């Protein structure tokens, strides 16, 4: 059984995010790097964002749709940092 998002270590969370990108968008793993631009380097477009949000919410059991912090995510590292922050908030709750 997979560990829930708030129980994951940072490295487990990052690997799970990478899986979402590889599985949902068929992006080769070697392209999924912390510095990769989600829209430029990985080729996602505005329609893909809807699918990405749904996949992230499902995989990590988080609600991100109404979170203004999502708007500042540009790179994979931004996404990792955001989900680590959310995970830490869940741990405290």
PDB file of N, CA and C in Angstrom:
ATOM      1  N   UNK A   1       0.849  -1.192   0.000  1.00  0.00           N
ATOM      2  CA  UNK A   1       0.000   0.000   0.000  1.00  0.00           C
ATOM      3  C   UNK A   1       0.886   1.245   0.000  1.00  0.00           C
ATOM      4  N   UNK A   2       0.541   2.214  -0.825  1.00  0.00           N
ATOM      5  CA  UNK A   2       1.332   3.436  -0.900  1.00  0.00           C
ATOM      6  C   UNK A   2       1.129   4.292   0.337  1.00  0.00           C
ATOM      7  N   UNK A   3       2.193   4.993   0.678  1.00  0.00           N
ATOM      8  CA  UNK A   3       2.097   5.913   1.810  1.00  0.00           C
ATOM      9  C   UNK A   3       1.333   7.155   1.376  1.00  0.00           C
ATOM     10  N   UNK A   4       0.506   7.663   2.274  1.00  0.00           N
ATOM     11  CA  UNK A   4      -0.250   8.881   1.973  1.00  0.00           C
ATOM     12  C   UNK A   4       0.718  10.052   1.887  1.00  0.00           C
ATOM     13  N   UNK A   5       0.346  11.068   1.129  1.00  0.00           N
ATOM     14  CA  UNK A   5       1.212  12.216   0.874  1.00  0.00           C
ATOM     15  C   UNK A   5       1.835  12.809   2.112  1.00  0.00           C
ATOM     16  N   UNK A   6       1.057  12.943   3.180  1.00  0.00           N
ATOM     17  CA  UNK A   6       1.588  13.605   4.369  1.00  0.00           C
ATOM     18  C   UNK A   6       2.538  12.716   5.166  1.00  0.00           C
ATOM     19  N   UNK A   7       2.631  11.430   4.822  1.00  0.00           N
ATOM     20  CA  UNK A   7       3.555  10.518   5.489  1.00  0.00           C
ATOM     21  C   UNK A   7       4.841  10.305   4.698  1.00  0.00           C
ATOM     22  N   UNK A   8       4.885  10.812   3.482  1.00  0.00           N
ATOM     23  CA  UNK A   8       6.042  10.603   2.612  1.00  0.00           C
ATOM     24  C   UNK A   8       7.229  11.458   3.044  1.00  0.00           C
ATOM     25  N   UNK A   9       8.414  10.913   2.798  1.00  0.00           N
ATOM     26  CA  UNK A   9       9.620  11.724   2.942  1.00  0.00           C
ATOM     27  C   UNK A   9       9.696  12.649   1.731  1.00  0.00           C
ATOM     28  N   UNK A  10      10.591  13.626   1.785  1.00  0.00           N
ATOM     29  CA  UNK A  10      10.758  14.523   0.637  1.00  0.00           C
ATOM     30  C   UNK A  10      11.088  13.737  -0.626  1.00  0.00           C
ATOM     31  N   UNK A  11      12.023  12.794  -0.534  1.00  0.00           N
ATOM     32  CA  UNK A  11      12.433  12.056  -1.730  1.00  0.00           C
ATOM     33  C   UNK A  11      11.305  11.163  -2.264  1.00  0.00           C
ATOM     34  N   UNK A  12      10.498  10.580  -1.381  1.00  0.00           N
ATOM     35  CA  UNK A  12       9.349   9.791  -1.823  1.00  0.00           C
ATOM     36  C   UNK A  12       8.323  10.677  -2.519  1.00  0.00           C
ATOM     37  N   UNK A  13       8.101  11.860  -1.986  1.00  0.00           N
ATOM     38  CA  UNK A  13       7.152  12.794  -2.577  1.00  0.00           C
ATOM     39  C   UNK A  13       7.627  13.220  -3.967  1.00  0.00           C
ATOM     40  N   UNK A  14       8.898  13.553  -4.085  1.00  0.00           N
ATOM     41  CA  UNK A  14       9.451  13.973  -5.379  1.00  0.00           C
ATOM     42  C   UNK A  14       9.326  12.845  -6.397  1.00  0.00           C
ATOM     43  N   UNK A  15       9.634  11.621  -5.992  1.00  0.00           N
ATOM     44  CA  UNK A  15       9.517  10.479  -6.895  1.00  0.00           C
ATOM     45  C   UNK A  15       8.057  10.277  -7.317  1.00  0.00           C
ATOM     46  N   UNK A  16       7.128  10.455  -6.399  1.00  0.00           N
ATOM     47  CA  UNK A  16       5.707  10.308  -6.725  1.00  0.00           C
ATOM     48  C   UNK A  16       5.254  11.383  -7.711  1.00  0.00           C
ATOM     49  N   UNK A  17       5.736  12.611  -7.538  1.00  0.00           N
ATOM     50  CA  UNK A  17       5.410  13.688  -8.484  1.00  0.00           C
ATOM     51  C   UNK A  17       5.956  13.334  -9.862  1.00  0.00           C
ATOM     52  N   UNK A  18       7.184  12.857  -9.897  1.00  0.00           N
ATOM     53  CA  UNK A  18       7.786  12.476 -11.171  1.00  0.00           C
ATOM     54  C   UNK A  18       6.978  11.366 -11.845  1.00  0.00           C
ATOM     55  N   UNK A  19       6.463  10.426 -11.059  1.00  0.00           N
ATOM     56  CA  UNK A  19       5.616   9.361 -11.602  1.00  0.00           C
ATOM     57  C   UNK A  19       4.355   9.928 -12.243  1.00  0.00           C
ATOM     58  N   UNK A  20       3.750  10.920 -11.584  1.00  0.00           N
ATOM     59  CA  UNK A  20       2.547  11.550 -12.134  1.00  0.00           C
ATOM     60  C   UNK A  20       2.854  12.133 -13.511  1.00  0.00           C
ATOM     61  N   UNK A  21       3.976  12.828 -13.628  1.00  0.00           N
ATOM     62  CA  UNK A  21       4.344  13.430 -14.911  1.00  0.00           C
ATOM     63  C   UNK A  21       4.645  12.363 -15.960  1.00  0.00           C
ATOM     64  N   UNK A  22       5.386  11.349 -15.572  1.00  0.00           N
ATOM     65  CA  UNK A  22       5.749  10.295 -16.522  1.00  0.00           C
ATOM     66  C   UNK A  22       4.518   9.514 -16.968  1.00  0.00           C
ATOM     67  N   UNK A  23       3.654   9.173 -16.033  1.00  0.00           N
ATOM     68  CA  UNK A  23       2.485   8.356 -16.347  1.00  0.00           C
ATOM     69  C   UNK A  23       1.361   9.147 -17.013  1.00  0.00           C
ATOM     70  N   UNK A  24       1.069  10.326 -16.495  1.00  0.00           N
ATOM     71  CA  UNK A  24      -0.077  11.100 -16.994  1.00  0.00           C
ATOM     72  C   UNK A  24       0.207  11.821 -18.304  1.00  0.00           C
ATOM     73  N   UNK A  25       1.462  12.226 -18.497  1.00  0.00           N
ATOM     74  CA  UNK A  25       1.782  13.050 -19.665  1.00  0.00           C
ATOM     75  C   UNK A  25       2.819  12.403 -20.577  1.00  0.00           C
ATOM     76  N   UNK A  26       3.187  11.154 -20.265  1.00  0.00           N
ATOM     77  CA  UNK A  26       4.143  10.398 -21.073  1.00  0.00           C
ATOM     78  C   UNK A  26       5.423  11.175 -21.318  1.00  0.00           C
ATOM     79  N   UNK A  27       5.915  11.801 -20.264  1.00  0.00           N
ATOM     80  CA  UNK A  27       7.159  12.563 -20.338  1.00  0.00           C
ATOM     81  C   UNK A  27       8.302  11.619 -19.939  1.00  0.00           C
ATOM     82  N   UNK A  28       9.331  11.535 -20.766  1.00  0.00           N
ATOM     83  CA  UNK A  28      10.467  10.676 -20.411  1.00  0.00           C
ATOM     84  C   UNK A  28      11.089  11.118 -19.081  1.00  0.00           C
ATOM     85  N   UNK A  29      11.401  10.148 -18.246  1.00  0.00           N
ATOM     86  CA  UNK A  29      11.933  10.447 -16.906  1.00  0.00           C
ATOM     87  C   UNK A  29      13.175  11.317 -16.946  1.00  0.00           C
ATOM     88  N   UNK A  30      14.016  11.142 -17.959  1.00  0.00           N
ATOM     89  CA  UNK A  30      15.256  11.929 -18.013  1.00  0.00           C
ATOM     90  C   UNK A  30      14.994  13.428 -18.214  1.00  0.00           C
ATOM     91  N   UNK A  31      13.806  13.778 -18.685  1.00  0.00           N
ATOM     92  CA  UNK A  31      13.454  15.194 -18.848  1.00  0.00           C
ATOM     93  C   UNK A  31      12.908  15.814 -17.564  1.00  0.00           C
ATOM     94  N   UNK A  32      12.502  14.963 -16.613  1.00  0.00           N
ATOM     95  CA  UNK A  32      11.873  15.453 -15.384  1.00  0.00           C
ATOM     96  C   UNK A  32      12.960  15.741 -14.350  1.00  0.00           C
ATOM     97  N   UNK A  33      13.394  16.991 -14.334  1.00  0.00           N
ATOM     98  CA  UNK A  33      14.469  17.444 -13.444  1.00  0.00           C
ATOM     99  C   UNK A  33      13.957  18.635 -12.649  1.00  0.00           C
ATOM    100  N   UNK A  34      14.553  18.906 -11.490  1.00  0.00           N
ATOM    101  CA  UNK A  34      14.079  20.036 -10.676  1.00  0.00           C
ATOM    102  C   UNK A  34      14.023  21.364 -11.427  1.00  0.00           C
ATOM    103  N   UNK A  35      14.996  21.603 -12.293  1.00  0.00           N
ATOM    104  CA  UNK A  35      15.050  22.889 -12.997  1.00  0.00           C
ATOM    105  C   UNK A  35      14.159  22.939 -14.232  1.00  0.00           C
ATOM    106  N   UNK A  36      13.532  21.839 -14.605  1.00  0.00           N
ATOM    107  CA  UNK A  36      12.700  21.792 -15.813  1.00  0.00           C
ATOM    108  C   UNK A  36      11.493  22.714 -15.681  1.00  0.00           C
ATOM    109  N   UNK A  37      11.306  23.551 -16.695  1.00  0.00           N
ATOM    110  CA  UNK A  37      10.135  24.417 -16.775  1.00  0.00           C
ATOM    111  C   UNK A  37       8.941  23.550 -17.177  1.00  0.00           C
ATOM    112  N   UNK A  38       7.882  23.597 -16.398  1.00  0.00           N
ATOM    113  CA  UNK A  38       6.725  22.735 -16.645  1.00  0.00           C
ATOM    114  C   UNK A  38       6.106  23.017 -18.015  1.00  0.00           C
ATOM    115  N   UNK A  39       6.009  24.282 -18.379  1.00  0.00           N
ATOM    116  CA  UNK A  39       5.378  24.622 -19.655  1.00  0.00           C
ATOM    117  C   UNK A  39       6.372  24.601 -20.806  1.00  0.00           C
ATOM    118  N   UNK A  40       7.564  25.102 -20.591  1.00  0.00           N
ATOM    119  CA  UNK A  40       8.547  25.159 -21.672  1.00  0.00           C
ATOM    120  C   UNK A  40       9.234  23.831 -21.925  1.00  0.00           C
ATOM    121  N   UNK A  41       9.967  23.352 -20.942  1.00  0.00           N
ATOM    122  CA  UNK A  41      10.781  22.145 -21.116  1.00  0.00           C
ATOM    123  C   UNK A  41       9.959  20.865 -21.200  1.00  0.00           C
ATOM    124  N   UNK A  42       8.884  20.784 -20.429  1.00  0.00           N
ATOM    125  CA  UNK A  42       8.099  19.550 -20.392  1.00  0.00           C
ATOM    126  C   UNK A  42       6.904  19.582 -21.339  1.00  0.00           C
ATOM    127  N   UNK A  43       6.626  20.746 -21.909  1.00  0.00           N
ATOM    128  CA  UNK A  43       5.632  20.840 -22.964  1.00  0.00           C
ATOM    129  C   UNK A  43       4.177  20.839 -22.537  1.00  0.00           C
ATOM    130  N   UNK A  44       3.903  21.038 -21.250  1.00  0.00           N
ATOM    131  CA  UNK A  44       2.510  21.099 -20.826  1.00  0.00           C
ATOM    132  C   UNK A  44       1.896  22.422 -21.280  1.00  0.00           C
ATOM    133  N   UNK A  45       0.600  22.402 -21.550  1.00  0.00           N
ATOM    134  CA  UNK A  45      -0.107  23.632 -21.913  1.00  0.00           C
ATOM    135  C   UNK A  45      -1.211  23.889 -20.893  1.00  0.00           C
ATOM    136  N   UNK A  46      -1.984  24.944 -21.117  1.00  0.00           N
ATOM    137  CA  UNK A  46      -3.001  25.340 -20.139  1.00  0.00           C
ATOM    138  C   UNK A  46      -4.056  24.261 -19.936  1.00  0.00           C
ATOM    139  N   UNK A  47      -4.372  23.491 -20.966  1.00  0.00           N
ATOM    140  CA  UNK A  47      -5.330  22.399 -20.807  1.00  0.00           C
ATOM    141  C   UNK A  47      -4.747  21.263 -19.974  1.00  0.00           C
ATOM    142  N   UNK A  48      -3.451  21.028 -20.118  1.00  0.00           N
ATOM    143  CA  UNK A  48      -2.787  19.988 -19.334  1.00  0.00           C
ATOM    144  C   UNK A  48      -2.800  20.319 -17.845  1.00  0.00           C
ATOM    145  N   UNK A  49      -2.832  21.612 -17.517  1.00  0.00           N
ATOM    146  CA  UNK A  49      -2.815  22.020 -16.115  1.00  0.00           C
ATOM    147  C   UNK A  49      -4.032  21.476 -15.374  1.00  0.00           C
ATOM    148  N   UNK A  50      -5.176  21.456 -16.032  1.00  0.00           N
ATOM    149  CA  UNK A  50      -6.383  20.911 -15.410  1.00  0.00           C
ATOM    150  C   UNK A  50      -6.162  19.442 -15.062  1.00  0.00           C
ATOM    151  N   UNK A  51      -5.597  18.692 -16.003  1.00  0.00           N
ATOM    152  CA  UNK A  51      -5.303  17.279 -15.756  1.00  0.00           C
ATOM    153  C   UNK A  51      -4.240  17.120 -14.675  1.00  0.00           C
ATOM    154  N   UNK A  52      -3.251  18.003 -14.685  1.00  0.00           N
ATOM    155  CA  UNK A  52      -2.188  17.940 -13.683  1.00  0.00           C
ATOM    156  C   UNK A  52      -2.742  18.182 -12.285  1.00  0.00           C
ATOM    157  N   UNK A  53      -3.573  19.207 -12.135  1.00  0.00           N
ATOM    158  CA  UNK A  53      -4.173  19.501 -10.830  1.00  0.00           C
ATOM    159  C   UNK A  53      -4.992  18.304 -10.358  1.00  0.00           C
ATOM    160  N   UNK A  54      -5.785  17.732 -11.242  1.00  0.00           N
ATOM    161  CA  UNK A  54      -6.603  16.568 -10.871  1.00  0.00           C
ATOM    162  C   UNK A  54      -5.718  15.391 -10.452  1.00  0.00           C
ATOM    163  N   UNK A  55      -4.648  15.150 -11.193  1.00  0.00           N
ATOM    164  CA  UNK A  55      -3.754  14.032 -10.876  1.00  0.00           C
ATOM    165  C   UNK A  55      -3.040  14.256  -9.547  1.00  0.00           C
ATOM    166  N   UNK A  56      -2.593  15.483  -9.303  1.00  0.00           N
ATOM    167  CA  UNK A  56      -1.906  15.810  -8.039  1.00  0.00           C
ATOM    168  C   UNK A  56      -2.874  15.672  -6.865  1.00  0.00           C
ATOM    169  N   UNK A  57      -4.077  16.199  -7.040  1.00  0.00           N
ATOM    170  CA  UNK A  57      -5.074  16.113  -5.963  1.00  0.00           C
ATOM    171  C   UNK A  57      -5.399  14.658  -5.640  1.00  0.00           C
ATOM    172  N   UNK A  58      -5.547  13.845  -6.670  1.00  0.00           N
ATOM    173  CA  UNK A  58      -5.874  12.439  -6.455  1.00  0.00           C
ATOM    174  C   UNK A  58      -4.700  11.697  -5.816  1.00  0.00           C
ATOM    175  N   UNK A  59      -3.509  11.897  -6.346  1.00  0.00           N
ATOM    176  CA  UNK A  59      -2.329  11.162  -5.873  1.00  0.00           C
ATOM    177  C   UNK A  59      -1.959  11.505  -4.436  1.00  0.00           C
ATOM    178  N   UNK A  60      -2.093  12.803  -4.076  1.00  0.00           N
ATOM    179  CA  UNK A  60      -1.628  13.252  -2.765  1.00  0.00           C
ATOM    180  C   UNK A  60      -2.757  13.592  -1.801  1.00  0.00           C
ATOM    181  N   UNK A  61      -3.992  13.408  -2.265  1.00  0.00           N
ATOM    182  CA  UNK A  61      -5.157  13.685  -1.419  1.00  0.00           C
ATOM    183  C   UNK A  61      -5.101  15.104  -0.836  1.00  0.00           C
ATOM    184  N   UNK A  62      -4.854  16.069  -1.721  1.00  0.00           N
ATOM    185  CA  UNK A  62      -4.800  17.476  -1.326  1.00  0.00           C
ATOM    186  C   UNK A  62      -5.744  18.272  -2.213  1.00  0.00           C
ATOM    187  N   UNK A  63      -6.157  19.412  -1.722  1.00  0.00           N
ATOM    188  CA  UNK A  63      -6.991  20.331  -2.490  1.00  0.00           C
ATOM    189  C   UNK A  63      -6.122  21.520  -2.882  1.00  0.00           C
ATOM    190  N   UNK A  64      -5.837  21.675  -4.179  1.00  0.00           N
ATOM    191  CA  UNK A  64      -4.972  22.770  -4.613  1.00  0.00           C
ATOM    192  C   UNK A  64      -5.682  23.757  -5.520  1.00  0.00           C
ATOM    193  N   UNK A  65      -6.873  23.436  -5.941  1.00  0.00           N
ATOM    194  CA  UNK A  65      -7.570  24.264  -6.922  1.00  0.00           C
ATOM    195  C   UNK A  65      -7.756  25.722  -6.469  1.00  0.00           C
ATOM    196  N   UNK A  66      -8.034  25.942  -5.197  1.00  0.00           N
ATOM    197  CA  UNK A  66      -8.302  27.294  -4.717  1.00  0.00           C
ATOM    198  C   UNK A  66      -7.108  27.923  -4.004  1.00  0.00           C
ATOM    199  N   UNK A  67      -5.943  27.317  -4.121  1.00  0.00           N
ATOM    200  CA  UNK A  67      -4.755  27.807  -3.436  1.00  0.00           C
ATOM    201  C   UNK A  67      -4.000  28.762  -4.355  1.00  0.00           C
ATOM    202  N   UNK A  68      -3.916  30.023  -3.958  1.00  0.00           N
ATOM    203  CA  UNK A  68      -3.256  31.045  -4.774  1.00  0.00           C
ATOM    204  C   UNK A  68      -1.772  30.755  -4.991  1.00  0.00           C
ATOM    205  N   UNK A  69      -1.164  30.004  -4.093  1.00  0.00           N
ATOM    206  CA  UNK A  69       0.271  29.705  -4.216  1.00  0.00           C
ATOM    207  C   UNK A  69       0.573  28.896  -5.471  1.00  0.00           C
ATOM    208  N   UNK A  70      -0.413  28.212  -6.004  1.00  0.00           N
ATOM    209  CA  UNK A  70      -0.216  27.393  -7.196  1.00  0.00           C
ATOM    210  C   UNK A  70       0.193  28.254  -8.387  1.00  0.00           C
ATOM    211  N   UNK A  71      -0.279  29.479  -8.430  1.00  0.00           N
ATOM    212  CA  UNK A  71      -0.009  30.363  -9.569  1.00  0.00           C
ATOM    213  C   UNK A  71       1.472  30.673  -9.769  1.00  0.00           C
ATOM    214  N   UNK A  72       2.277  30.527  -8.726  1.00  0.00           N
ATOM    215  CA  UNK A  72       3.698  30.851  -8.836  1.00  0.00           C
ATOM    216  C   UNK A  72       4.558  29.658  -9.246  1.00  0.00           C
ATOM    217  N   UNK A  73       3.947  28.508  -9.460  1.00  0.00           N
ATOM    218  CA  UNK A  73       4.705  27.313  -9.831  1.00  0.00           C
ATOM    219  C   UNK A  73       5.082  27.381 -11.312  1.00  0.00           C
ATOM    220  N   UNK A  74       6.378  27.322 -11.566  1.00  0.00           N
ATOM    221  CA  UNK A  74       6.881  27.354 -12.941  1.00  0.00           C
ATOM    222  C   UNK A  74       7.765  26.146 -13.255  1.00  0.00           C
ATOM    223  N   UNK A  75       8.544  25.703 -12.268  1.00  0.00           N
ATOM    224  CA  UNK A  75       9.478  24.600 -12.476  1.00  0.00           C
ATOM    225  C   UNK A  75       9.054  23.397 -11.641  1.00  0.00           C
ATOM    226  N   UNK A  76       9.679  22.282 -11.922  1.00  0.00           N
ATOM    227  CA  UNK A  76       9.418  21.090 -11.120  1.00  0.00           C
ATOM    228  C   UNK A  76       9.815  21.347  -9.668  1.00  0.00           C
ATOM    229  N   UNK A  77      10.925  22.065  -9.444  1.00  0.00           N
ATOM    230  CA  UNK A  77      11.339  22.359  -8.074  1.00  0.00           C
ATOM    231  C   UNK A  77      10.282  23.184  -7.356  1.00  0.00           C
ATOM    232  N   UNK A  78       9.660  24.135  -8.057  1.00  0.00           N
ATOM    233  CA  UNK A  78       8.569  24.916  -7.461  1.00  0.00           C
ATOM    234  C   UNK A  78       7.442  23.978  -7.024  1.00  0.00           C
ATOM    235  N   UNK A  79       7.121  23.006  -7.873  1.00  0.00           N
ATOM    236  CA  UNK A  79       6.050  22.064  -7.552  1.00  0.00           C
ATOM    237  C   UNK A  79       6.436  21.182  -6.377  1.00  0.00           C
ATOM    238  N   UNK A  80       7.673  20.686  -6.371  1.00  0.00           N
ATOM    239  CA  UNK A  80       8.141  19.886  -5.233  1.00  0.00           C
ATOM    240  C   UNK A  80       8.022  20.695  -3.940  1.00  0.00           C
ATOM    241  N   UNK A  81       8.528  21.938  -3.975  1.00  0.00           N
ATOM    242  CA  UNK A  81       8.509  22.783  -2.772  1.00  0.00           C
ATOM    243  C   UNK A  81       7.088  23.024  -2.294  1.00  0.00           C
ATOM    244  N   UNK A  82       6.185  23.282  -3.229  1.00  0.00           N
ATOM    245  CA  UNK A  82       4.789  23.524  -2.880  1.00  0.00           C
ATOM    246  C   UNK A  82       4.175  22.299  -2.203  1.00  0.00           C
ATOM    247  N   UNK A  83       4.386  21.120  -2.781  1.00  0.00           N
ATOM    248  CA  UNK A  83       3.794  19.908  -2.213  1.00  0.00           C
ATOM    249  C   UNK A  83       4.428  19.536  -0.877  1.00  0.00           C
ATOM    250  N   UNK A  84       5.707  19.819  -0.712  1.00  0.00           N
ATOM    251  CA  UNK A  84       6.358  19.604   0.591  1.00  0.00           C
ATOM    252  C   UNK A  84       5.742  20.532   1.625  1.00  0.00           C
ATOM    253  N   UNK A  85       5.485  21.775   1.244  1.00  0.00           N
ATOM    254  CA  UNK A  85       4.835  22.731   2.141  1.00  0.00           C
ATOM    255  C   UNK A  85       3.433  22.246   2.529  1.00  0.00           C
ATOM    256  N   UNK A  86       2.669  21.787   1.543  1.00  0.00           N
ATOM    257  CA  UNK A  86       1.324  21.263   1.808  1.00  0.00           C
ATOM    258  C   UNK A  86       1.407  20.051   2.731  1.00  0.00           C
ATOM    259  N   UNK A  87       2.349  19.165   2.458  1.00  0.00           N
ATOM    260  CA  UNK A  87       2.524  17.982   3.301  1.00  0.00           C
ATOM    261  C   UNK A  87       2.805  18.390   4.744  1.00  0.00           C
ATOM    262  N   UNK A  88       3.683  19.364   4.925  1.00  0.00           N
ATOM    263  CA  UNK A  88       4.004  19.825   6.282  1.00  0.00           C
ATOM    264  C   UNK A  88       2.799  20.452   6.967  1.00  0.00           C
ATOM    265  N   UNK A  89       1.966  21.161   6.217  1.00  0.00           N
ATOM    266  CA  UNK A  89       0.743  21.732   6.783  1.00  0.00           C
ATOM    267  C   UNK A  89      -0.215  20.622   7.207  1.00  0.00           C
ATOM    268  N   UNK A  90      -0.291  19.546   6.427  1.00  0.00           N
ATOM    269  CA  UNK A  90      -1.163  18.425   6.779  1.00  0.00           C
ATOM    270  C   UNK A  90      -0.666  17.714   8.038  1.00  0.00           C
ATOM    271  N   UNK A  91       0.632  17.616   8.171  1.00  0.00           N
ATOM    272  CA  UNK A  91       1.197  16.961   9.358  1.00  0.00           C
ATOM    273  C   UNK A  91       0.802  17.702  10.632  1.00  0.00           C
ATOM    274  N   UNK A  92       0.758  19.044  10.540  1.00  0.00           N
ATOM    275  CA  UNK A  92       0.431  19.862  11.713  1.00  0.00           C
ATOM    276  C   UNK A  92      -1.061  19.842  12.032  1.00  0.00           C
ATOM    277  N   UNK A  93      -1.869  19.573  11.010  1.00  0.00           N
ATOM    278  CA  UNK A  93      -3.331  19.613  11.193  1.00  0.00           C
ATOM    279  C   UNK A  93      -3.844  18.447  12.000  1.00  0.00           C
TER     280      UNK A  93
END
